[in-house]
Structure formats: C-alpha cells, structure tokens
PDB file of N, CA and C in Angstrom:
ATOM      1  N   THR A   1      42.164  96.974 129.257  1.00  0.00           N
ATOM      2  CA  THR A   1      42.109  98.307 128.743  1.00  0.00           C
ATOM      3  C   THR A   1      42.829  98.371 127.412  1.00  0.00           C
ATOM      4  N   TYR A   2      42.189  99.061 126.398  1.00  0.00           N
ATOM      5  CA  TYR A   2      42.769  99.210 125.038  1.00  0.00           C
ATOM      6  C   TYR A   2      42.854 100.686 124.874  1.00  0.00           C
ATOM      7  N   ASN A   3      44.090 101.104 124.415  1.00  0.00           N
ATOM      8  CA  ASN A   3      44.360 102.520 124.102  1.00  0.00           C
ATOM      9  C   ASN A   3      44.304 102.672 122.583  1.00  0.00           C
ATOM     10  N   PHE A   4      43.384 103.486 122.133  1.00  0.00           N
ATOM     11  CA  PHE A   4      43.284 103.826 120.643  1.00  0.00           C
ATOM     12  C   PHE A   4      44.364 104.740 120.287  1.00  0.00           C
ATOM     13  N   SER A   5      44.735 105.663 121.167  1.00  0.00           N
ATOM     14  CA  SER A   5      45.792 106.662 121.011  1.00  0.00           C
ATOM     15  C   SER A   5      46.379 106.983 122.358  1.00  0.00           C
ATOM     16  N   ASP A   6      47.244 107.969 122.391  1.00  0.00           N
ATOM     17  CA  ASP A   6      47.850 108.420 123.722  1.00  0.00           C
ATOM     18  C   ASP A   6      46.931 108.818 124.715  1.00  0.00           C
ATOM     19  N   ASN A   7      45.756 109.442 124.262  1.00  0.00           N
ATOM     20  CA  ASN A   7      44.828 109.962 125.244  1.00  0.00           C
ATOM     21  C   ASN A   7      43.377 109.492 125.170  1.00  0.00           C
ATOM     22  N   THR A   8      43.112 108.357 124.523  1.00  0.00           N
ATOM     23  CA  THR A   8      41.839 107.639 124.591  1.00  0.00           C
ATOM     24  C   THR A   8      41.902 106.201 124.983  1.00  0.00           C
ATOM     25  N   PHE A   9      40.831 105.721 125.555  1.00  0.00           N
ATOM     26  CA  PHE A   9      40.875 104.308 125.954  1.00  0.00           C
ATOM     27  C   PHE A   9      39.422 103.694 126.023  1.00  0.00           C
ATOM     28  N   VAL A  10      39.470 102.396 125.954  1.00  0.00           N
ATOM     29  CA  VAL A  10      38.245 101.670 126.163  1.00  0.00           C
ATOM     30  C   VAL A  10      38.540 100.549 127.088  1.00  0.00           C
ATOM     31  N   ARG A  11      37.615 100.332 128.072  1.00  0.00           N
ATOM     32  CA  ARG A  11      37.892  99.268 129.111  1.00  0.00           C
ATOM     33  C   ARG A  11      36.539  98.485 129.237  1.00  0.00           C
ATOM     34  N   ALA A  12      36.708  97.101 129.249  1.00  0.00           N
ATOM     35  CA  ALA A  12      35.547  96.226 129.468  1.00  0.00           C
ATOM     36  C   ALA A  12      35.834  95.314 130.673  1.00  0.00           C
ATOM     37  N   GLU A  13      34.749  95.069 131.342  1.00  0.00           N
ATOM     38  CA  GLU A  13      34.889  94.314 132.628  1.00  0.00           C
ATOM     39  C   GLU A  13      33.673  93.347 132.736  1.00  0.00           C
ATOM     40  N   LEU A  14      33.918  92.072 133.055  1.00  0.00           N
ATOM     41  CA  LEU A  14      32.853  91.104 133.268  1.00  0.00           C
ATOM     42  C   LEU A  14      33.062  90.509 134.683  1.00  0.00           C
ATOM     43  N   SER A  15      31.967  90.406 135.478  1.00  0.00           N
ATOM     44  CA  SER A  15      32.160  89.783 136.775  1.00  0.00           C
ATOM     45  C   SER A  15      31.007  88.824 137.045  1.00  0.00           C
ATOM     46  N   MET A  16      31.238  87.825 137.895  1.00  0.00           N
ATOM     47  CA  MET A  16      30.202  86.872 138.286  1.00  0.00           C
ATOM     48  C   MET A  16      30.389  86.515 139.792  1.00  0.00           C
ATOM     49  N   VAL A  17      29.312  86.575 140.486  1.00  0.00           N
ATOM     50  CA  VAL A  17      29.259  86.229 141.895  1.00  0.00           C
ATOM     51  C   VAL A  17      28.347  85.034 142.158  1.00  0.00           C
ATOM     52  N   SER A  18      28.761  84.118 142.938  1.00  0.00           N
ATOM     53  CA  SER A  18      27.906  82.952 143.265  1.00  0.00           C
ATOM     54  C   SER A  18      27.736  82.839 144.786  1.00  0.00           C
ATOM     55  N   SER A  19      26.580  82.438 145.274  1.00  0.00           N
ATOM     56  CA  SER A  19      26.304  82.277 146.660  1.00  0.00           C
ATOM     57  C   SER A  19      25.788  80.809 146.888  1.00  0.00           C
ATOM     58  N   ASP A  20      25.806  80.435 148.172  1.00  0.00           N
ATOM     59  CA  ASP A  20      25.261  79.132 148.590  1.00  0.00           C
ATOM     60  C   ASP A  20      23.702  79.200 148.670  1.00  0.00           C
ATOM     61  N   ASN A  21      23.145  80.449 148.847  1.00  0.00           N
ATOM     62  CA  ASN A  21      21.680  80.616 148.883  1.00  0.00           C
ATOM     63  C   ASN A  21      21.272  81.405 147.682  1.00  0.00           C
ATOM     64  N   LYS A  22      19.959  81.341 147.366  1.00  0.00           N
ATOM     65  CA  LYS A  22      19.472  82.103 146.272  1.00  0.00           C
ATOM     66  C   LYS A  22      19.111  83.557 146.782  1.00  0.00           C
ATOM     67  N   ILE A  23      20.103  84.442 146.728  1.00  0.00           N
ATOM     68  CA  ILE A  23      19.944  85.792 147.303  1.00  0.00           C
ATOM     69  C   ILE A  23      19.688  86.809 146.146  1.00  0.00           C
ATOM     70  N   PHE A  24      19.821  86.500 144.957  1.00  0.00           N
ATOM     71  CA  PHE A  24      19.742  87.422 143.832  1.00  0.00           C
ATOM     72  C   PHE A  24      18.377  87.207 143.147  1.00  0.00           C
ATOM     73  N   THR A  25      17.854  88.301 142.550  1.00  0.00           N
ATOM     74  CA  THR A  25      16.585  88.203 141.842  1.00  0.00           C
ATOM     75  C   THR A  25      16.835  88.608 140.418  1.00  0.00           C
ATOM     76  N   ASP A  26      16.310  87.895 139.411  1.00  0.00           N
ATOM     77  CA  ASP A  26      16.360  88.266 138.001  1.00  0.00           C
ATOM     78  C   ASP A  26      15.315  89.234 137.561  1.00  0.00           C
ATOM     79  N   ASP A  27      15.265  89.568 136.340  1.00  0.00           N
ATOM     80  CA  ASP A  27      14.327  90.612 135.802  1.00  0.00           C
ATOM     81  C   ASP A  27      12.845  90.052 136.011  1.00  0.00           C
ATOM     82  N   ASN A  28      12.667  88.797 136.065  1.00  0.00           N
ATOM     83  CA  ASN A  28      11.274  88.245 136.173  1.00  0.00           C
ATOM     84  C   ASN A  28      10.867  88.028 137.633  1.00  0.00           C
ATOM     85  N   GLY A  29      11.682  88.310 138.570  1.00  0.00           N
ATOM     86  CA  GLY A  29      11.415  88.090 139.923  1.00  0.00           C
ATOM     87  C   GLY A  29      11.829  86.795 140.500  1.00  0.00           C
ATOM     88  N   ASN A  30      12.431  85.953 139.721  1.00  0.00           N
ATOM     89  CA  ASN A  30      12.902  84.550 140.100  1.00  0.00           C
ATOM     90  C   ASN A  30      14.194  84.605 140.885  1.00  0.00           C
ATOM     91  N   GLN A  31      14.227  83.869 141.989  1.00  0.00           N
ATOM     92  CA  GLN A  31      15.427  83.796 142.777  1.00  0.00           C
ATOM     93  C   GLN A  31      16.509  83.022 142.064  1.00  0.00           C
ATOM     94  N   GLU A  32      17.786  83.580 142.205  1.00  0.00           N
ATOM     95  CA  GLU A  32      18.932  82.907 141.584  1.00  0.00           C
ATOM     96  C   GLU A  32      20.104  82.866 142.636  1.00  0.00           C
ATOM     97  N   ASP A  33      21.056  81.972 142.382  1.00  0.00           N
ATOM     98  CA  ASP A  33      22.242  81.964 143.291  1.00  0.00           C
ATOM     99  C   ASP A  33      23.547  82.534 142.616  1.00  0.00           C
ATOM    100  N   THR A  34      23.371  83.093 141.401  1.00  0.00           N
ATOM    101  CA  THR A  34      24.447  83.665 140.712  1.00  0.00           C
ATOM    102  C   THR A  34      24.077  85.101 140.147  1.00  0.00           C
ATOM    103  N   LYS A  35      25.048  85.965 140.034  1.00  0.00           N
ATOM    104  CA  LYS A  35      24.813  87.340 139.520  1.00  0.00           C
ATOM    105  C   LYS A  35      25.918  87.612 138.555  1.00  0.00           C
ATOM    106  N   THR A  36      25.645  88.004 137.370  1.00  0.00           N
ATOM    107  CA  THR A  36      26.623  88.384 136.338  1.00  0.00           C
ATOM    108  C   THR A  36      26.452  89.836 135.872  1.00  0.00           C
ATOM    109  N   SER A  37      27.546  90.539 135.760  1.00  0.00           N
ATOM    110  CA  SER A  37      27.479  91.930 135.308  1.00  0.00           C
ATOM    111  C   SER A  37      28.507  92.262 134.306  1.00  0.00           C
ATOM    112  N   PHE A  38      28.322  93.190 133.482  1.00  0.00           N
ATOM    113  CA  PHE A  38      29.196  93.582 132.345  1.00  0.00           C
ATOM    114  C   PHE A  38      29.223  95.117 132.393  1.00  0.00           C
ATOM    115  N   ALA A  39      30.429  95.635 132.247  1.00  0.00           N
ATOM    116  CA  ALA A  39      30.597  97.122 132.138  1.00  0.00           C
ATOM    117  C   ALA A  39      31.509  97.448 130.971  1.00  0.00           C
ATOM    118  N   LEU A  40      31.199  98.526 130.373  1.00  0.00           N
ATOM    119  CA  LEU A  40      32.024  99.125 129.255  1.00  0.00           C
ATOM    120  C   LEU A  40      32.301 100.572 129.542  1.00  0.00           C
ATOM    121  N   GLN A  41      33.592 100.946 129.489  1.00  0.00           N
ATOM    122  CA  GLN A  41      33.910 102.365 129.783  1.00  0.00           C
ATOM    123  C   GLN A  41      34.815 102.833 128.690  1.00  0.00           C
ATOM    124  N   ALA A  42      34.491 104.073 128.246  1.00  0.00           N
ATOM    125  CA  ALA A  42      35.321 104.774 127.202  1.00  0.00           C
ATOM    126  C   ALA A  42      35.734 106.068 127.754  1.00  0.00           C
ATOM    127  N   GLY A  43      36.960 106.508 127.579  1.00  0.00           N
ATOM    128  CA  GLY A  43      37.337 107.752 128.101  1.00  0.00           C
ATOM    129  C   GLY A  43      38.394 108.473 127.333  1.00  0.00           C
ATOM    130  N   PHE A  44      38.673 109.710 127.731  1.00  0.00           N
ATOM    131  CA  PHE A  44      39.633 110.628 127.178  1.00  0.00           C
ATOM    132  C   PHE A  44      40.509 111.153 128.264  1.00  0.00           C
ATOM    133  N   ILE A  45      41.835 110.930 128.159  1.00  0.00           N
ATOM    134  CA  ILE A  45      42.775 111.363 129.173  1.00  0.00           C
ATOM    135  C   ILE A  45      43.358 112.770 128.784  1.00  0.00           C
ATOM    136  N   PHE A  46      43.196 113.695 129.723  1.00  0.00           N
ATOM    137  CA  PHE A  46      43.759 115.014 129.442  1.00  0.00           C
ATOM    138  C   PHE A  46      44.512 115.567 130.573  1.00  0.00           C
TER     139      PHE A  46
END
C-alpha cells in the first residue's frame, strides 16, 4: 500500500495458485495447473 497523502492510497496485489491437477481454464479453453491474478485498488479515506 502506498499513501499519496493522508487520505489517499493505492494498493497492488499479485497472487498465484498451483495445483497437482489441471483444474483451471485459460481464455482459450486450455486446461492449466496454475492461476495468476493481479488486482489494483485506489481509494480515498474519509
């Protein structure tokens, strides 16, 4: 989390999950055994 000022912030998060079996599907419909996601959040504290 990075605070630009006393009442604003930006937060980034990256996660990866791995499995023994191919339980995830990519955008093309191919089976995969890992899943990666990224999130970005910006906010104002009041």
